[in-house]
Amino acid sequence: MRVFSVPERIGGFGVLVAGAAALWPAFTTRTGVGVPCMLRTLTGVPCPGCGLTTAAVALVRGDLGAAFQANPVIFGLAALAVAVGPLVALRATGVLAPPKPFSPAGRRRTGWLAGLLAAASWAFQLHRLGVSWA
């Protein structure tokens, strides 16, 4: 069985998000069903991923400004989604070697980077939505 690297997995998730973002507006218009952020619904505090659905829909529609305003993280996810197709194809045809496992230090760095990205996204959402702790 082929092992997928972390960027390939994130990019694959991005491809699924793009597909869902293309279909989501029609679904919500037809059914009136939406998926609220549970943290924000229960506490009034947004999560680091708040706005990603809105950002994905805006990006699929070509509205870069609205996508950025909703959640700029969508651009990184979109870049990985665009890159993952050719990467998986090149690895499947043997042009590129299979991914190597991350070293423990690489895992730590990746964990820290993901944590910093989540913290920055959360700070952005708190500012965007005017949430204060006072």
C-alpha atoms as a PDB file:
ATOM      1  CA  MET A   1       0.000   0.000   0.000  1.00  0.00           C
ATOM      2  CA  ARG A   2       1.301   3.442  -0.905  1.00  0.00           C
ATOM      3  CA  VAL A   3       2.119   5.801   1.959  1.00  0.00           C
ATOM      4  CA  PHE A   4       1.146   9.432   1.467  1.00  0.00           C
ATOM      5  CA  SER A   5       3.241  12.267   2.874  1.00  0.00           C
ATOM      6  CA  VAL A   6       1.749  14.935   5.135  1.00  0.00           C
ATOM      7  CA  PRO A   7       1.735  17.574   2.337  1.00  0.00           C
ATOM      8  CA  GLU A   8       0.001  15.061   0.052  1.00  0.00           C
ATOM      9  CA  ARG A   9      -2.627  14.377   2.692  1.00  0.00           C
ATOM     10  CA  ILE A  10      -3.233  18.071   3.339  1.00  0.00           C
ATOM     11  CA  GLY A  11      -3.346  18.740  -0.397  1.00  0.00           C
ATOM     12  CA  GLY A  12      -5.776  15.876  -0.891  1.00  0.00           C
ATOM     13  CA  PHE A  13      -7.958  17.379   1.815  1.00  0.00           C
ATOM     14  CA  GLY A  14      -7.720  20.692  -0.053  1.00  0.00           C
ATOM     15  CA  VAL A  15      -8.971  19.022  -3.235  1.00  0.00           C
ATOM     16  CA  LEU A  16     -11.971  17.702  -1.305  1.00  0.00           C
ATOM     17  CA  VAL A  17     -12.558  21.163   0.185  1.00  0.00           C
ATOM     18  CA  ALA A  18     -12.481  22.737  -3.295  1.00  0.00           C
ATOM     19  CA  GLY A  19     -15.051  20.254  -4.544  1.00  0.00           C
ATOM     20  CA  ALA A  20     -17.265  20.852  -1.529  1.00  0.00           C
ATOM     21  CA  ALA A  21     -16.879  24.629  -1.883  1.00  0.00           C
ATOM     22  CA  ALA A  22     -18.097  24.414  -5.458  1.00  0.00           C
ATOM     23  CA  LEU A  23     -21.206  22.459  -4.393  1.00  0.00           C
ATOM     24  CA  TRP A  24     -21.878  24.022  -0.976  1.00  0.00           C
ATOM     25  CA  PRO A  25     -23.684  27.228  -2.082  1.00  0.00           C
ATOM     26  CA  ALA A  26     -26.192  25.275  -4.189  1.00  0.00           C
ATOM     27  CA  PHE A  27     -26.783  22.837  -1.319  1.00  0.00           C
ATOM     28  CA  THR A  28     -27.343  25.535   1.293  1.00  0.00           C
ATOM     29  CA  THR A  29     -29.571  27.565  -1.037  1.00  0.00           C
ATOM     30  CA  ARG A  30     -31.714  24.533  -1.824  1.00  0.00           C
ATOM     31  CA  THR A  31     -31.958  23.099   1.705  1.00  0.00           C
ATOM     32  CA  GLY A  32     -31.337  26.068   3.990  1.00  0.00           C
ATOM     33  CA  VAL A  33     -28.963  23.843   5.978  1.00  0.00           C
ATOM     34  CA  GLY A  34     -25.712  25.295   7.255  1.00  0.00           C
ATOM     35  CA  VAL A  35     -22.912  24.007   9.446  1.00  0.00           C
ATOM     36  CA  PRO A  36     -22.071  26.469  12.211  1.00  0.00           C
ATOM     37  CA  CYS A  37     -18.798  26.427  14.109  1.00  0.00           C
ATOM     38  CA  MET A  38     -19.572  24.538  17.310  1.00  0.00           C
ATOM     39  CA  LEU A  39     -17.025  26.452  19.421  1.00  0.00           C
ATOM     40  CA  ARG A  40     -18.386  29.794  18.264  1.00  0.00           C
ATOM     41  CA  THR A  41     -21.986  28.641  18.702  1.00  0.00           C
ATOM     42  CA  LEU A  42     -21.389  27.448  22.256  1.00  0.00           C
ATOM     43  CA  THR A  43     -18.944  30.092  23.507  1.00  0.00           C
ATOM     44  CA  GLY A  44     -19.071  33.031  21.101  1.00  0.00           C
ATOM     45  CA  VAL A  45     -15.341  32.543  20.514  1.00  0.00           C
ATOM     46  CA  PRO A  46     -14.282  31.594  16.989  1.00  0.00           C
ATOM     47  CA  CYS A  47     -11.987  28.656  16.323  1.00  0.00           C
ATOM     48  CA  PRO A  48      -8.786  28.984  14.224  1.00  0.00           C
ATOM     49  CA  GLY A  49     -10.663  27.436  11.280  1.00  0.00           C
ATOM     50  CA  CYS A  50     -13.621  29.812  11.444  1.00  0.00           C
ATOM     51  CA  GLY A  51     -14.303  31.286   8.043  1.00  0.00           C
ATOM     52  CA  LEU A  52     -12.650  28.492   6.072  1.00  0.00           C
ATOM     53  CA  THR A  53     -15.916  27.430   4.428  1.00  0.00           C
ATOM     54  CA  THR A  54     -16.685  31.021   3.483  1.00  0.00           C
ATOM     55  CA  ALA A  55     -13.103  31.508   2.282  1.00  0.00           C
ATOM     56  CA  ALA A  56     -13.180  28.320   0.200  1.00  0.00           C
ATOM     57  CA  VAL A  57     -16.453  29.298  -1.471  1.00  0.00           C
ATOM     58  CA  ALA A  58     -15.119  32.801  -2.189  1.00  0.00           C
ATOM     59  CA  LEU A  59     -11.877  31.379  -3.604  1.00  0.00           C
ATOM     60  CA  VAL A  60     -13.728  28.952  -5.879  1.00  0.00           C
ATOM     61  CA  ARG A  61     -15.790  31.888  -7.126  1.00  0.00           C
ATOM     62  CA  GLY A  62     -12.618  33.894  -7.758  1.00  0.00           C
ATOM     63  CA  ASP A  63     -13.210  36.512  -5.055  1.00  0.00           C
ATOM     64  CA  LEU A  64      -9.705  36.654  -3.573  1.00  0.00           C
ATOM     65  CA  GLY A  65     -10.437  39.620  -1.316  1.00  0.00           C
ATOM     66  CA  ALA A  66     -13.429  37.960   0.336  1.00  0.00           C
ATOM     67  CA  ALA A  67     -11.448  34.728   0.705  1.00  0.00           C
ATOM     68  CA  PHE A  68      -8.618  36.581   2.450  1.00  0.00           C
ATOM     69  CA  GLN A  69     -11.006  38.455   4.724  1.00  0.00           C
ATOM     70  CA  ALA A  70     -12.752  35.237   5.784  1.00  0.00           C
ATOM     71  CA  ASN A  71      -9.579  33.200   6.490  1.00  0.00           C
ATOM     72  CA  PRO A  72      -6.201  33.696   4.754  1.00  0.00           C
ATOM     73  CA  VAL A  73      -5.179  30.113   5.607  1.00  0.00           C
ATOM     74  CA  ILE A  74      -7.250  29.050   2.588  1.00  0.00           C
ATOM     75  CA  PHE A  75      -4.477  30.220   0.263  1.00  0.00           C
ATOM     76  CA  GLY A  76      -1.965  27.771   1.758  1.00  0.00           C
ATOM     77  CA  LEU A  77      -4.485  24.961   1.567  1.00  0.00           C
ATOM     78  CA  ALA A  78      -5.277  25.890  -2.037  1.00  0.00           C
ATOM     79  CA  ALA A  79      -1.570  25.936  -2.952  1.00  0.00           C
ATOM     80  CA  LEU A  80      -1.131  22.458  -1.509  1.00  0.00           C
ATOM     81  CA  ALA A  81      -4.250  21.263  -3.322  1.00  0.00           C
ATOM     82  CA  VAL A  82      -2.851  22.517  -6.633  1.00  0.00           C
ATOM     83  CA  ALA A  83       0.577  20.977  -5.991  1.00  0.00           C
ATOM     84  CA  VAL A  84      -0.598  17.596  -4.731  1.00  0.00           C
ATOM     85  CA  GLY A  85      -2.009  16.330  -8.043  1.00  0.00           C
ATOM     86  CA  PRO A  86       1.250  16.500  -9.980  1.00  0.00           C
ATOM     87  CA  LEU A  87       3.217  15.341  -6.927  1.00  0.00           C
ATOM     88  CA  VAL A  88       1.100  12.203  -6.498  1.00  0.00           C
ATOM     89  CA  ALA A  89       1.193  11.551 -10.262  1.00  0.00           C
ATOM     90  CA  LEU A  90       4.989  11.877 -10.390  1.00  0.00           C
ATOM     91  CA  ARG A  91       5.379   9.568  -7.409  1.00  0.00           C
ATOM     92  CA  ALA A  92       2.893   7.041  -8.828  1.00  0.00           C
ATOM     93  CA  THR A  93       4.801   6.871 -12.136  1.00  0.00           C
ATOM     94  CA  GLY A  94       8.132   6.473 -10.373  1.00  0.00           C
ATOM     95  CA  VAL A  95       9.561   9.807 -11.517  1.00  0.00           C
ATOM     96  CA  LEU A  96       9.822  10.896  -7.894  1.00  0.00           C
ATOM     97  CA  ALA A  97      10.777   8.630  -5.026  1.00  0.00           C
ATOM     98  CA  PRO A  98       8.173   7.773  -2.376  1.00  0.00           C
ATOM     99  CA  PRO A  99       8.091  10.142   0.578  1.00  0.00           C
ATOM    100  CA  LYS A 100      10.582   9.588   3.368  1.00  0.00           C
ATOM    101  CA  PRO A 101       9.301   9.591   6.944  1.00  0.00           C
ATOM    102  CA  PHE A 102       9.896  12.761   8.905  1.00  0.00           C
ATOM    103  CA  SER A 103      12.669  12.609  11.459  1.00  0.00           C
ATOM    104  CA  PRO A 104      11.691  13.299  15.081  1.00  0.00           C
ATOM    105  CA  ALA A 105      13.166  16.794  14.718  1.00  0.00           C
ATOM    106  CA  GLY A 106      11.195  17.302  11.497  1.00  0.00           C
ATOM    107  CA  ARG A 107       8.018  16.220  13.244  1.00  0.00           C
ATOM    108  CA  ARG A 108       8.685  18.672  16.065  1.00  0.00           C
ATOM    109  CA  ARG A 109       9.309  21.524  13.619  1.00  0.00           C
ATOM    110  CA  THR A 110       6.168  20.650  11.689  1.00  0.00           C
ATOM    111  CA  GLY A 111       4.163  20.505  14.913  1.00  0.00           C
ATOM    112  CA  TRP A 112       5.456  23.899  15.982  1.00  0.00           C
ATOM    113  CA  LEU A 113       4.737  25.362  12.539  1.00  0.00           C
ATOM    114  CA  ALA A 114       1.194  23.974  12.580  1.00  0.00           C
ATOM    115  CA  GLY A 115       0.686  25.326  16.110  1.00  0.00           C
ATOM    116  CA  LEU A 116       1.975  28.770  15.154  1.00  0.00           C
ATOM    117  CA  LEU A 117      -0.224  28.790  12.055  1.00  0.00           C
ATOM    118  CA  ALA A 118      -3.265  27.833  14.148  1.00  0.00           C
ATOM    119  CA  ALA A 119      -2.428  30.533  16.729  1.00  0.00           C
ATOM    120  CA  ALA A 120      -2.003  33.166  14.009  1.00  0.00           C
ATOM    121  CA  SER A 121      -5.270  32.096  12.388  1.00  0.00           C
ATOM    122  CA  TRP A 122      -7.036  32.253  15.734  1.00  0.00           C
ATOM    123  CA  ALA A 123      -5.657  35.737  16.452  1.00  0.00           C
ATOM    124  CA  PHE A 124      -6.830  36.809  12.990  1.00  0.00           C
ATOM    125  CA  GLN A 125     -10.329  35.423  13.644  1.00  0.00           C
ATOM    126  CA  LEU A 126     -10.559  37.055  17.072  1.00  0.00           C
ATOM    127  CA  HIS A 127      -9.582  40.399  15.542  1.00  0.00           C
ATOM    128  CA  ARG A 128     -11.836  39.975  12.492  1.00  0.00           C
ATOM    129  CA  LEU A 129     -14.870  39.149  14.598  1.00  0.00           C
ATOM    130  CA  GLY A 130     -14.118  41.750  17.279  1.00  0.00           C
ATOM    131  CA  VAL A 131     -13.853  39.281  20.156  1.00  0.00           C
ATOM    132  CA  SER A 132     -12.215  40.710  23.248  1.00  0.00           C
ATOM    133  CA  TRP A 133     -11.428  39.150  26.591  1.00  0.00           C
ATOM    134  CA  ALA A 134     -12.307  42.262  28.582  1.00  0.00           C
END
